[in-house]
């Protein structure tokens, strides 16, 4: 994600402690549970070492069945105290759903860039990442913290598993 992005990206909290990408497994999961294929547009960067704060940007190809494909940039970084405060405030506004507690188990954030406030491909990629990385999604535009089920509802999709 670039600094010049016009819209704040989705923050996906991740229980995985590093920026390792298991693209074959993630793509299989996306295909089965989201009717979407995902891939990388470039070679995967190396995860950060103990002294690094961020990884290089990772660009995903997102190809939902029956819809136009596109690319979306992501950036993985360690969670910061401010991230947890955002999650707690959003969860409090929603009536304490427990997602803020889940976010506290997540040492990593994946920022999914979006091209507009209603970017469906970015939301789809955020939902896929949240599903494989076992964390909630924070939308800084709406000030909302939600899980995969809500992300799917926002996309207007039924929960269908492909066999």
Protein backbone atom coordinates (compact mmCIF):
# COMPACT_ATOMS: atom_id res chain seq x y z
CA UNK A 1 0.00 0.00 0.00
CA UNK A 2 1.38 3.38 -0.88
CA UNK A 3 1.41 6.50 1.24
CA UNK A 4 -0.56 8.28 -1.49
CA UNK A 5 -3.60 6.02 -1.15
CA UNK A 6 -6.76 8.17 -1.15
CA UNK A 7 -8.73 5.75 1.01
CA UNK A 8 -7.78 4.10 4.25
CA UNK A 9 -7.31 0.38 3.77
CA UNK A 10 -8.97 -2.39 5.70
CA UNK A 11 -6.93 -3.53 8.70
CA UNK A 12 -6.97 -7.30 9.03
CA UNK A 13 -5.76 -8.53 12.41
CA UNK A 14 -3.74 -11.73 12.08
CA UNK A 15 -2.95 -14.36 14.71
CA UNK A 16 0.01 -15.42 12.58
CA UNK A 17 3.05 -13.64 14.00
CA UNK A 18 4.82 -12.99 10.71
CA UNK A 19 4.10 -12.03 7.11
CA UNK A 20 4.54 -15.52 5.70
CA UNK A 21 2.20 -16.19 2.78
CA UNK A 22 1.11 -19.73 1.99
CA UNK A 23 -0.42 -18.83 -1.34
CA UNK A 24 -1.40 -22.35 -2.43
CA UNK A 25 -3.27 -23.01 0.83
CA UNK A 26 -4.79 -19.51 0.87
CA UNK A 27 -5.94 -19.87 -2.73
CA UNK A 28 -7.52 -23.27 -2.02
CA UNK A 29 -9.36 -21.72 0.96
CA UNK A 30 -10.48 -18.71 -1.11
CA UNK A 31 -11.72 -20.97 -3.90
CA UNK A 32 -13.63 -23.25 -1.55
CA UNK A 33 -15.19 -20.71 0.79
CA UNK A 34 -15.34 -17.51 -1.26
CA UNK A 35 -15.62 -18.70 -4.89
CA UNK A 36 -12.54 -16.59 -5.57
CA UNK A 37 -9.06 -17.33 -6.82
CA UNK A 38 -6.12 -15.38 -5.40
CA UNK A 39 -2.49 -15.25 -6.43
CA UNK A 40 0.59 -13.08 -6.16
CA UNK A 41 1.64 -10.69 -8.91
CA UNK A 42 5.30 -10.86 -7.93
CA UNK A 43 7.68 -13.00 -5.93
CA UNK A 44 6.82 -13.07 -2.25
CA UNK A 45 8.99 -10.70 -0.18
CA UNK A 46 10.88 -11.96 2.82
CA UNK A 47 9.11 -11.62 6.17
CA UNK A 48 10.50 -8.92 8.45
CA UNK A 49 13.28 -9.82 10.83
CA UNK A 50 13.18 -8.98 14.52
CA UNK A 51 14.42 -5.42 13.84
CA UNK A 52 12.11 -4.60 10.93
CA UNK A 53 8.75 -2.84 11.33
CA UNK A 54 7.21 -3.69 7.94
CA UNK A 55 7.47 -5.99 4.95
CA UNK A 56 7.49 -5.00 1.33
CA UNK A 57 4.12 -4.48 -0.26
CA UNK A 58 2.52 -7.65 -1.55
CA UNK A 59 0.19 -7.37 -4.51
CA UNK A 60 -2.56 -9.97 -4.88
CA UNK A 61 -4.61 -10.87 -7.93
CA UNK A 62 -8.23 -11.31 -6.78
CA UNK A 63 -10.51 -13.17 -9.20
CA UNK A 64 -14.07 -13.81 -7.96
CA UNK A 65 -16.09 -16.31 -10.01
CA UNK A 66 -18.35 -14.45 -12.44
CA UNK A 67 -16.91 -10.99 -11.66
CA UNK A 68 -14.01 -8.99 -13.08
CA UNK A 69 -10.63 -9.74 -11.54
CA UNK A 70 -8.35 -7.04 -10.17
CA UNK A 71 -5.26 -6.45 -8.12
CA UNK A 72 -5.00 -5.12 -4.59
CA UNK A 73 -1.92 -4.18 -2.60
CA UNK A 74 -1.33 -5.26 0.97
CA UNK A 75 1.23 -4.52 3.62
CA UNK A 76 1.91 -6.58 6.74
CA UNK A 77 3.25 -4.94 9.85
CA UNK A 78 3.35 -5.55 13.60
CA UNK A 79 0.28 -4.42 15.53
CA UNK A 80 0.73 -1.21 17.45
CA UNK A 81 -1.09 -0.09 20.60
CA UNK A 82 -3.17 2.35 18.52
CA UNK A 83 -4.52 -0.56 16.42
CA UNK A 84 -5.88 -2.26 19.52
CA UNK A 85 -7.42 1.00 20.74
CA UNK A 86 -9.23 1.43 17.41
CA UNK A 87 -10.57 -2.12 17.68
CA UNK A 88 -11.70 -1.61 21.28
CA UNK A 89 -13.49 1.65 20.49
CA UNK A 90 -15.27 0.12 17.49
CA UNK A 91 -16.24 -2.97 19.50
CA UNK A 92 -17.60 -0.78 22.31
CA UNK A 93 -19.76 1.11 19.78
CA UNK A 94 -21.09 -2.24 18.55
CA UNK A 95 -22.01 -3.40 22.05
CA UNK A 96 -18.90 -5.44 22.93
CA UNK A 97 -19.05 -8.33 20.49
CA UNK A 98 -15.76 -9.82 21.68
CA UNK A 99 -13.88 -9.02 18.48
CA UNK A 100 -11.64 -6.54 20.30
CA UNK A 101 -10.54 -9.37 22.59
CA UNK A 102 -9.79 -11.45 19.49
CA UNK A 103 -7.76 -8.58 18.03
CA UNK A 104 -5.59 -8.60 21.17
CA UNK A 105 -4.44 -12.13 20.23
CA UNK A 106 -3.14 -10.83 16.91
CA UNK A 107 0.47 -9.63 16.72
CA UNK A 108 0.25 -8.68 13.04
CA UNK A 109 -1.88 -6.38 10.87
CA UNK A 110 -2.41 -6.78 7.14
CA UNK A 111 -3.46 -3.50 5.51
CA UNK A 112 -5.51 -4.08 2.36
CA UNK A 113 -5.53 -1.04 0.08
CA UNK A 114 -8.80 -0.04 -1.49
CA UNK A 115 -9.56 2.13 -4.46
CA UNK A 116 -12.80 3.56 -3.08
CA UNK A 117 -14.77 3.40 0.17
CA UNK A 118 -16.95 0.65 -1.35
CA UNK A 119 -14.19 -1.39 -3.03
CA UNK A 120 -15.63 -4.92 -3.27
CA UNK A 121 -12.36 -6.59 -4.29
CA UNK A 122 -10.54 -5.09 -1.32
CA UNK A 123 -13.31 -6.21 1.04
CA UNK A 124 -13.26 -9.69 -0.50
CA UNK A 125 -9.48 -9.95 -0.06
CA UNK A 126 -9.76 -8.66 3.52
CA UNK A 127 -12.42 -11.31 4.25
CA UNK A 128 -10.22 -14.05 2.79
CA UNK A 129 -7.21 -12.89 4.81
CA UNK A 130 -9.30 -12.64 7.99
CA UNK A 131 -10.58 -16.15 7.39
CA UNK A 132 -7.13 -17.73 6.97
CA UNK A 133 -5.35 -15.55 9.55
CA UNK A 134 -8.12 -15.87 12.17
CA UNK A 135 -8.65 -12.23 13.04
CA UNK A 136 -11.25 -9.47 12.69
CA UNK A 137 -11.33 -6.68 10.11
CA UNK A 138 -11.30 -2.99 11.03
CA UNK A 139 -12.75 -0.50 8.53
CA UNK A 140 -11.25 2.92 9.33
CA UNK A 141 -13.69 4.68 7.00
CA UNK A 142 -16.76 3.36 8.86
CA UNK A 143 -15.01 2.99 12.24
CA UNK A 144 -16.33 -0.58 12.36
CA UNK A 145 -14.80 -3.86 13.56
CA UNK A 146 -16.32 -7.02 12.08
CA UNK A 147 -15.67 -10.64 11.28
CA UNK A 148 -15.79 -12.78 8.16
CA UNK A 149 -19.54 -13.43 8.42
CA UNK A 150 -20.29 -9.69 8.37
CA UNK A 151 -17.82 -9.15 5.52
CA UNK A 152 -19.66 -11.80 3.50
CA UNK A 153 -22.98 -10.11 4.29
CA UNK A 154 -21.54 -6.78 3.13
CA UNK A 155 -20.60 -8.47 -0.13
CA UNK A 156 -24.16 -9.77 -0.39
CA UNK A 157 -23.12 -13.39 -0.52
CA UNK A 158 -24.53 -16.51 0.98
CA UNK A 159 -22.21 -18.86 2.80
CA UNK A 160 -21.75 -21.59 0.21
CA UNK A 161 -18.96 -24.14 0.39
CA UNK A 162 -17.77 -25.51 -2.94
CA UNK A 163 -16.92 -29.19 -2.81
